[in-house]
């Protein structure tokens, strides 16, 4: 019986001689992609899809008190306890409190033009909920909202129409119903839409002056990802009713856009896994054909070994070990490349990853590579071990 150390030493030498680099590379690519998707799959899916999600607003749930649509009902508002409970739910990134409705004021900018601007009451989480940015100045802070300060934000279009630009609008004083508010920022963003022509006031400032409904009757709940939306829609009404009376609470989502995005990403993910499996299958098929070619090219060698006393088990072990070495070499190269790409990907995505998951993925990759090697090389190795000595020696 050949020693294991000699068996793998001879097998590695044969692998180098055969130069089956394509087979090794195919397995390495499949293992690399498997490790990256297994370890960073969720983070990659979230980061890649986030811009698409936010453009459609599909991970923002509009929660409204619908009392005013029912005659005779008092206008209820969301209690702070209910808002806090929603914010602590798994899958909720943040909650923004709003006054449902708007109030309009005629304003005069730097020129002769007069413009009627609608103002909406929002809190400090509104901009982040809708991924808005300040093109000039700053956004609302918790101090602005809790301190009931007389400050305001303008949408980019409103700032241009009134003052000719975003920077020109900063520090301007707006007279709203005989009260003065200072413009501290100009905002824009894909999800702002037509509200770029509006103004924004601290929600508490609108409540103090009884503008619009004068109550917090709308919440914007931003889910961490689109996968969380369906579960939150189911649980939010019951959470609200645990903390306050809310018989007519209504939730509005972008259901059609959500379905399209889910369908698109399902196909993208399926195609990625299909590519991984195709690469690994190609590697397994390469091992199969390569081992068959090696058996045929070394038929006389097999006959000589059997004539010198080599057993069928020795011949089987040698060819199987060669196939195994090809697969495991590809697997090891794939693990090295996969670990490197995981580190780089985590850095680029600004996220962490589980070292335990990385270790398990690497261990599973080695096992899977070995399985591919055994599956691809077993039948050709068995054919070699069953050769007739005389026929093998006569082979040309």
Protein backbone atom coordinates (compact mmCIF):
# COMPACT_ATOMS: atom_id res chain seq x y z
CA UNK A 1 0.00 0.00 0.00
CA UNK A 2 1.46 3.39 -1.01
CA UNK A 3 2.10 5.83 1.84
CA UNK A 4 -0.21 8.85 2.06
CA UNK A 5 2.70 11.31 1.99
CA UNK A 6 4.10 9.72 -1.17
CA UNK A 7 0.62 9.52 -2.68
CA UNK A 8 -0.08 13.25 -2.37
CA UNK A 9 3.49 14.21 -3.30
CA UNK A 10 3.24 12.23 -6.54
CA UNK A 11 -0.29 13.52 -7.16
CA UNK A 12 0.73 17.16 -6.75
CA UNK A 13 3.65 16.61 -9.15
CA UNK A 14 1.27 15.14 -11.73
CA UNK A 15 -1.15 18.08 -11.31
CA UNK A 16 1.71 20.52 -11.99
CA UNK A 17 2.79 18.52 -15.03
CA UNK A 18 -0.74 18.35 -16.47
CA UNK A 19 -1.17 22.13 -16.16
CA UNK A 20 -4.92 22.01 -15.68
CA UNK A 21 -4.98 25.68 -14.75
CA UNK A 22 -8.41 26.25 -16.26
CA UNK A 23 -9.99 23.65 -14.00
CA UNK A 24 -8.29 25.03 -10.90
CA UNK A 25 -9.23 28.61 -11.83
CA UNK A 26 -12.87 27.66 -12.47
CA UNK A 27 -13.20 26.10 -9.02
CA UNK A 28 -11.34 29.03 -7.44
CA UNK A 29 -13.73 31.56 -9.01
CA UNK A 30 -16.77 29.63 -7.85
CA UNK A 31 -15.45 29.32 -4.29
CA UNK A 32 -14.48 33.02 -4.21
CA UNK A 33 -17.96 34.12 -5.25
CA UNK A 34 -19.54 31.69 -2.77
CA UNK A 35 -17.54 33.04 0.18
CA UNK A 36 -18.19 36.69 -0.71
CA UNK A 37 -21.93 36.16 -1.14
CA UNK A 38 -22.21 33.98 1.96
CA UNK A 39 -20.38 36.45 4.21
CA UNK A 40 -21.36 39.83 2.71
CA UNK A 41 -24.55 38.83 0.93
CA UNK A 42 -26.99 40.75 3.12
CA UNK A 43 -24.83 43.88 3.30
CA UNK A 44 -24.21 43.86 -0.47
CA UNK A 45 -27.88 43.40 -1.19
CA UNK A 46 -28.81 46.25 1.14
CA UNK A 47 -26.16 48.68 -0.12
CA UNK A 48 -26.70 47.97 -3.82
CA UNK A 49 -30.46 48.24 -3.55
CA UNK A 50 -30.64 51.18 -1.16
CA UNK A 51 -30.50 53.91 -3.80
CA UNK A 52 -33.16 52.13 -5.84
CA UNK A 53 -35.29 51.65 -2.74
CA UNK A 54 -35.03 55.27 -1.64
CA UNK A 55 -35.80 56.60 -5.11
CA UNK A 56 -39.13 54.83 -4.96
CA UNK A 57 -39.64 55.36 -1.23
CA UNK A 58 -40.61 51.72 -0.83
CA UNK A 59 -39.04 51.35 2.60
CA UNK A 60 -40.91 54.37 4.02
CA UNK A 61 -44.30 53.61 5.59
CA UNK A 62 -46.77 56.49 5.84
CA UNK A 63 -48.80 56.07 9.05
CA UNK A 64 -51.74 58.51 9.40
CA UNK A 65 -54.58 59.14 11.79
CA UNK A 66 -57.60 59.03 9.48
CA UNK A 67 -60.14 60.48 11.95
CA UNK A 68 -60.98 63.52 9.85
CA UNK A 69 -62.37 61.29 7.10
CA UNK A 70 -65.00 60.04 9.56
CA UNK A 71 -67.57 62.74 10.52
CA UNK A 72 -68.13 63.18 14.22
CA UNK A 73 -64.76 61.74 15.23
CA UNK A 74 -62.28 63.81 17.26
CA UNK A 75 -58.90 64.49 15.61
CA UNK A 76 -56.49 62.22 17.47
CA UNK A 77 -52.73 62.55 17.48
CA UNK A 78 -49.91 60.09 18.02
CA UNK A 79 -48.81 59.84 21.65
CA UNK A 80 -45.07 60.02 22.40
CA UNK A 81 -45.29 56.53 23.96
CA UNK A 82 -46.64 55.09 20.70
CA UNK A 83 -43.95 56.82 18.63
CA UNK A 84 -41.24 55.48 20.95
CA UNK A 85 -42.66 51.95 20.79
CA UNK A 86 -42.69 52.01 16.98
CA UNK A 87 -39.10 53.26 16.92
CA UNK A 88 -37.96 50.32 19.06
CA UNK A 89 -39.45 47.66 16.75
CA UNK A 90 -36.99 45.34 14.97
CA UNK A 91 -36.57 46.47 11.37
CA UNK A 92 -37.33 50.15 12.07
CA UNK A 93 -34.49 52.54 11.23
CA UNK A 94 -36.21 55.74 12.41
CA UNK A 95 -39.54 57.47 12.87
CA UNK A 96 -40.33 61.03 11.77
CA UNK A 97 -43.23 62.96 13.32
CA UNK A 98 -45.22 65.28 11.07
CA UNK A 99 -48.23 67.54 11.05
CA UNK A 100 -50.55 66.20 8.39
CA UNK A 101 -51.37 68.97 5.94
CA UNK A 102 -49.70 72.28 5.18
CA UNK A 103 -50.27 75.99 5.55
CA UNK A 104 -49.53 78.52 2.80
CA UNK A 105 -48.12 82.02 3.05
CA UNK A 106 -47.50 84.67 0.38
CA UNK A 107 -43.81 85.58 0.35
CA UNK A 108 -41.78 88.18 -1.48
CA UNK A 109 -38.19 87.45 -2.32
CA UNK A 110 -35.36 89.74 -3.28
CA UNK A 111 -37.17 91.04 -6.39
CA UNK A 112 -40.69 92.12 -7.17
CA UNK A 113 -42.00 88.59 -7.55
CA UNK A 114 -44.47 87.28 -4.98
CA UNK A 115 -44.80 83.54 -4.39
CA UNK A 116 -47.17 81.51 -2.23
CA UNK A 117 -45.21 78.83 -0.39
CA UNK A 118 -46.75 75.93 1.52
CA UNK A 119 -45.06 75.02 4.80
CA UNK A 120 -44.98 71.54 6.34
CA UNK A 121 -44.27 70.70 9.96
CA UNK A 122 -41.43 68.16 10.34
CA UNK A 123 -38.99 66.99 13.00
CA UNK A 124 -35.23 66.42 13.01
CA UNK A 125 -35.58 62.90 11.56
CA UNK A 126 -37.46 63.96 8.43
CA UNK A 127 -34.40 64.65 6.26
CA UNK A 128 -32.67 61.39 7.14
CA UNK A 129 -35.89 59.41 6.71
CA UNK A 130 -36.12 60.54 3.09
CA UNK A 131 -32.34 60.78 2.47
CA UNK A 132 -32.45 64.54 1.95
CA UNK A 133 -29.37 66.73 2.07
CA UNK A 134 -28.69 70.38 2.77
CA UNK A 135 -27.26 72.05 -0.33
CA UNK A 136 -26.75 75.16 1.77
CA UNK A 137 -26.85 75.75 5.52
CA UNK A 138 -27.96 72.94 7.80
CA UNK A 139 -30.84 70.62 8.62
CA UNK A 140 -33.13 70.76 11.64
CA UNK A 141 -31.68 69.56 14.93
CA UNK A 142 -33.36 68.16 18.03
CA UNK A 143 -32.65 71.51 19.70
CA UNK A 144 -34.62 73.32 16.97
CA UNK A 145 -37.63 71.05 17.44
CA UNK A 146 -37.63 70.70 21.22
CA UNK A 147 -36.77 74.38 21.70
CA UNK A 148 -39.61 75.43 19.37
CA UNK A 149 -37.28 77.77 17.53
CA UNK A 150 -38.49 80.11 14.81
CA UNK A 151 -36.35 78.69 12.04
CA UNK A 152 -37.27 77.14 8.70
CA UNK A 153 -35.92 75.20 5.75
CA UNK A 154 -36.70 75.84 2.09
CA UNK A 155 -36.85 73.39 -0.74
CA UNK A 156 -34.29 74.07 -3.47
CA UNK A 157 -36.88 75.25 -6.02
CA UNK A 158 -38.53 77.58 -3.51
CA UNK A 159 -35.13 79.09 -2.60
CA UNK A 160 -34.31 79.70 -6.27
CA UNK A 161 -37.72 81.20 -7.03
CA UNK A 162 -37.61 83.54 -4.01
CA UNK A 163 -33.95 84.50 -3.76
CA UNK A 164 -32.25 83.24 -6.91
CA UNK A 165 -30.26 80.43 -5.29
CA UNK A 166 -29.64 78.27 -2.24
CA UNK A 167 -26.84 80.29 -0.66
CA UNK A 168 -28.65 83.55 -1.28
CA UNK A 169 -31.59 82.26 0.78
CA UNK A 170 -29.54 81.56 3.93
CA UNK A 171 -30.19 83.97 6.79
CA UNK A 172 -33.20 85.54 5.11
CA UNK A 173 -36.17 86.40 7.32
CA UNK A 174 -39.62 85.17 6.28
CA UNK A 175 -42.78 86.81 7.61
CA UNK A 176 -45.33 84.08 8.23
CA UNK A 177 -48.63 85.35 9.61
CA UNK A 178 -46.93 88.36 11.28
CA UNK A 179 -44.20 86.14 12.77
CA UNK A 180 -40.59 86.03 11.66
CA UNK A 181 -38.72 82.81 10.80
CA UNK A 182 -35.08 82.60 9.73
CA UNK A 183 -34.00 80.40 6.81
CA UNK A 184 -31.24 78.14 8.18
CA UNK A 185 -30.99 75.63 5.34
CA UNK A 186 -31.99 74.69 1.80
CA UNK A 187 -32.68 71.03 1.11
CA UNK A 188 -33.05 68.74 -1.86
CA UNK A 189 -33.14 65.01 -2.63
CA UNK A 190 -34.60 62.49 -5.02
CA UNK A 191 -37.48 61.65 -2.69
CA UNK A 192 -38.40 65.29 -2.04
CA UNK A 193 -40.21 65.46 -5.36
CA UNK A 194 -42.66 68.36 -5.70
CA UNK A 195 -41.95 69.43 -2.12
CA UNK A 196 -38.82 71.17 -3.37
CA UNK A 197 -41.18 74.12 -3.86
CA UNK A 198 -42.26 74.01 -0.20
CA UNK A 199 -40.94 75.26 3.13
CA UNK A 200 -40.43 73.28 6.33
CA UNK A 201 -41.00 74.34 9.93
CA UNK A 202 -40.26 72.55 13.21
CA UNK A 203 -43.28 70.43 14.00
CA UNK A 204 -43.54 71.96 17.46
CA UNK A 205 -43.62 75.50 16.02
CA UNK A 206 -46.61 74.59 13.86
CA UNK A 207 -48.39 72.94 16.79
CA UNK A 208 -47.85 75.99 19.02
CA UNK A 209 -49.50 78.21 16.40
CA UNK A 210 -52.24 75.70 15.56
CA UNK A 211 -51.24 75.74 11.89
CA UNK A 212 -52.58 72.92 9.67
CA UNK A 213 -54.10 70.31 12.00
CA UNK A 214 -52.05 71.55 14.95
CA UNK A 215 -51.35 67.96 15.99
CA UNK A 216 -48.91 65.17 15.14
CA UNK A 217 -51.23 63.14 12.95
CA UNK A 218 -48.69 61.57 10.59
CA UNK A 219 -45.65 59.37 11.09
CA UNK A 220 -43.10 58.39 8.47
CA UNK A 221 -41.54 55.07 9.47
CA UNK A 222 -38.38 54.17 7.60
CA UNK A 223 -37.65 50.45 7.56
CA UNK A 224 -34.07 49.18 7.51
CA UNK A 225 -34.72 47.36 4.22
CA UNK A 226 -37.59 46.48 1.95
CA UNK A 227 -37.76 42.97 3.45
CA UNK A 228 -38.91 44.54 6.74
CA UNK A 229 -41.83 46.51 5.29
CA UNK A 230 -44.42 43.72 5.16
CA UNK A 231 -43.81 42.64 8.77
CA UNK A 232 -43.95 46.22 10.05
CA UNK A 233 -47.22 46.91 8.24
CA UNK A 234 -48.73 43.96 10.10
CA UNK A 235 -47.51 44.92 13.58
CA UNK A 236 -47.54 48.75 13.68
CA UNK A 237 -51.34 49.20 14.10
CA UNK A 238 -51.46 46.85 17.10
CA UNK A 239 -48.41 48.54 18.68
CA UNK A 240 -50.10 51.94 18.37
CA UNK A 241 -53.36 50.67 19.88
CA UNK A 242 -51.48 49.23 22.84
CA UNK A 243 -50.49 52.77 23.84
CA UNK A 244 -53.47 54.91 22.75
CA UNK A 245 -56.90 54.88 21.12
CA UNK A 246 -56.47 54.73 17.34
CA UNK A 247 -59.55 53.24 15.66
CA UNK A 248 -58.85 54.70 12.22
CA UNK A 249 -55.08 54.48 11.83
CA UNK A 250 -54.09 53.85 8.20
CA UNK A 251 -50.78 52.69 6.68
CA UNK A 252 -49.74 53.64 3.16
CA UNK A 253 -46.89 51.91 1.31
CA UNK A 254 -45.49 51.84 -2.22
CA UNK A 255 -46.66 48.27 -2.74
CA UNK A 256 -46.33 48.10 -6.52
CA UNK A 257 -42.79 49.47 -6.53
CA UNK A 258 -41.89 47.14 -3.67
CA UNK A 259 -43.07 44.11 -5.64
CA UNK A 260 -41.06 45.14 -8.69
CA UNK A 261 -37.89 45.67 -6.68
CA UNK A 262 -38.31 42.32 -4.91
CA UNK A 263 -38.84 40.59 -8.26
CA UNK A 264 -35.79 42.28 -9.78
CA UNK A 265 -33.50 41.38 -6.90
CA UNK A 266 -34.81 37.82 -6.80
CA UNK A 267 -33.67 37.35 -10.39
CA UNK A 268 -30.34 39.10 -9.79
CA UNK A 269 -29.63 36.90 -6.77
CA UNK A 270 -30.72 33.76 -8.64
CA UNK A 271 -28.43 34.59 -11.55
CA UNK A 272 -25.50 35.15 -9.18
CA UNK A 273 -25.97 31.77 -7.52
CA UNK A 274 -26.52 30.16 -10.93
CA UNK A 275 -23.20 31.60 -12.09
CA UNK A 276 -21.47 30.18 -8.99
CA UNK A 277 -22.95 26.74 -9.56
CA UNK A 278 -22.06 26.86 -13.27
CA UNK A 279 -18.45 27.71 -12.41
CA UNK A 280 -18.21 24.87 -9.90
CA UNK A 281 -19.90 22.41 -12.28
CA UNK A 282 -17.49 23.46 -15.01
CA UNK A 283 -14.63 22.73 -12.63
CA UNK A 284 -16.08 19.32 -11.76
CA UNK A 285 -16.55 18.48 -15.45
CA UNK A 286 -12.98 19.60 -16.13
CA UNK A 287 -11.72 17.24 -13.43
CA UNK A 288 -13.79 14.43 -14.95
CA UNK A 289 -12.47 14.91 -18.48
CA UNK A 290 -8.93 15.68 -17.29
CA UNK A 291 -8.77 12.49 -15.23
CA UNK A 292 -10.09 10.44 -18.14
CA UNK A 293 -7.41 11.97 -20.37
CA UNK A 294 -4.74 11.24 -17.76
CA UNK A 295 -5.88 7.63 -17.45
CA UNK A 296 -5.74 7.15 -21.22
CA UNK A 297 -2.34 8.84 -21.56
CA UNK A 298 -0.87 6.73 -18.74
CA UNK A 299 -2.40 3.36 -19.61
CA UNK A 300 1.00 1.69 -20.04
CA UNK A 301 2.11 3.22 -16.72
CA UNK A 302 -0.92 1.65 -15.04
CA UNK A 303 -0.06 -1.71 -16.62
CA UNK A 304 3.55 -1.48 -15.41
CA UNK A 305 2.49 -0.62 -11.86
CA UNK A 306 0.10 -3.56 -11.76
CA UNK A 307 2.77 -5.88 -13.20
CA UNK A 308 5.15 -4.74 -10.44
CA UNK A 309 2.62 -5.62 -7.75
CA UNK A 310 0.52 -2.48 -7.51
CA UNK A 311 -2.99 -3.19 -6.29
CA UNK A 312 -6.25 -1.88 -7.73
CA UNK A 313 -6.64 0.21 -4.56
CA UNK A 314 -3.25 1.88 -5.18
CA UNK A 315 -4.20 2.80 -8.75
CA UNK A 316 -7.62 4.07 -7.60
CA UNK A 317 -6.06 6.11 -4.80
CA UNK A 318 -3.47 7.71 -7.08
CA UNK A 319 -5.88 8.98 -9.74
CA UNK A 320 -8.45 9.97 -7.10
CA UNK A 321 -5.76 11.86 -5.16
CA UNK A 322 -4.79 13.75 -8.34
CA UNK A 323 -8.39 14.81 -8.90
CA UNK A 324 -8.68 15.75 -5.23
CA UNK A 325 -5.51 17.84 -5.39
CA UNK A 326 -6.84 19.82 -8.37
CA UNK A 327 -10.10 20.56 -6.61
CA UNK A 328 -8.58 21.41 -3.22
CA UNK A 329 -5.94 23.63 -4.85
CA UNK A 330 -8.72 25.54 -6.58
CA UNK A 331 -10.62 25.69 -3.30
CA UNK A 332 -7.63 27.08 -1.38
CA UNK A 333 -7.00 29.73 -4.03
CA UNK A 334 -10.69 30.61 -3.91
CA UNK A 335 -10.60 30.95 -0.12
CA UNK A 336 -7.57 33.27 -0.25
CA UNK A 337 -9.23 35.43 -2.91
CA UNK A 338 -12.57 35.28 -1.09
CA UNK A 339 -11.12 36.41 2.25
CA UNK A 340 -9.32 39.26 0.51
CA UNK A 341 -12.48 40.40 -1.29
CA UNK A 342 -14.52 40.15 1.91
CA UNK A 343 -12.05 42.45 3.68
CA UNK A 344 -12.05 44.90 0.76
CA UNK A 345 -15.83 44.70 0.37
CA UNK A 346 -16.43 45.35 4.07
CA UNK A 347 -14.16 48.38 3.84
CA UNK A 348 -15.89 49.76 0.72
CA UNK A 349 -19.38 49.08 2.10
CA UNK A 350 -18.39 50.54 5.47
CA UNK A 351 -19.76 47.51 7.29
CA UNK A 352 -18.54 44.68 9.47
CA UNK A 353 -18.79 40.94 8.93
CA UNK A 354 -18.84 37.80 11.01
CA UNK A 355 -15.45 36.07 11.30
CA UNK A 356 -17.29 32.98 12.47
CA UNK A 357 -19.35 32.97 9.28
CA UNK A 358 -16.18 33.53 7.25
CA UNK A 359 -14.49 30.57 8.95
CA UNK A 360 -17.52 28.31 8.43
CA UNK A 361 -17.79 29.43 4.79
CA UNK A 362 -14.10 28.68 4.21
CA UNK A 363 -14.37 25.30 5.90
CA UNK A 364 -17.46 24.46 3.88
CA UNK A 365 -15.67 25.55 0.71
CA UNK A 366 -12.81 23.12 1.32
CA UNK A 367 -15.24 20.28 1.97
CA UNK A 368 -17.26 21.18 -1.13
CA UNK A 369 -14.10 21.38 -3.24
CA UNK A 370 -13.11 17.91 -2.03
CA UNK A 371 -16.56 16.60 -2.91
CA UNK A 372 -16.21 18.03 -6.42
CA UNK A 373 -12.81 16.41 -6.78
CA UNK A 374 -14.07 13.01 -5.60
CA UNK A 375 -17.23 13.23 -7.74
CA UNK A 376 -15.27 14.24 -10.84
CA UNK A 377 -12.40 11.80 -10.44
CA UNK A 378 -14.02 8.69 -8.92
CA UNK A 379 -15.35 7.06 -12.08
CA UNK A 380 -12.20 7.60 -14.21
CA UNK A 381 -10.07 6.36 -11.29
CA UNK A 382 -12.23 3.24 -11.00
CA UNK A 383 -11.82 2.62 -14.73
CA UNK A 384 -8.04 2.86 -14.32
CA UNK A 385 -8.00 0.48 -11.34
CA UNK A 386 -9.99 -2.15 -13.27
CA UNK A 387 -7.67 -2.26 -16.30
CA UNK A 388 -6.38 -5.61 -17.44
CA UNK A 389 -2.60 -5.78 -17.02
CA UNK A 390 -1.86 -7.40 -20.39
CA UNK A 391 -4.14 -5.02 -22.33
CA UNK A 392 -2.64 -2.03 -20.55
CA UNK A 393 0.93 -3.10 -21.36
CA UNK A 394 0.04 -3.58 -25.04
CA UNK A 395 -1.62 -0.16 -25.28
CA UNK A 396 0.02 2.26 -27.76
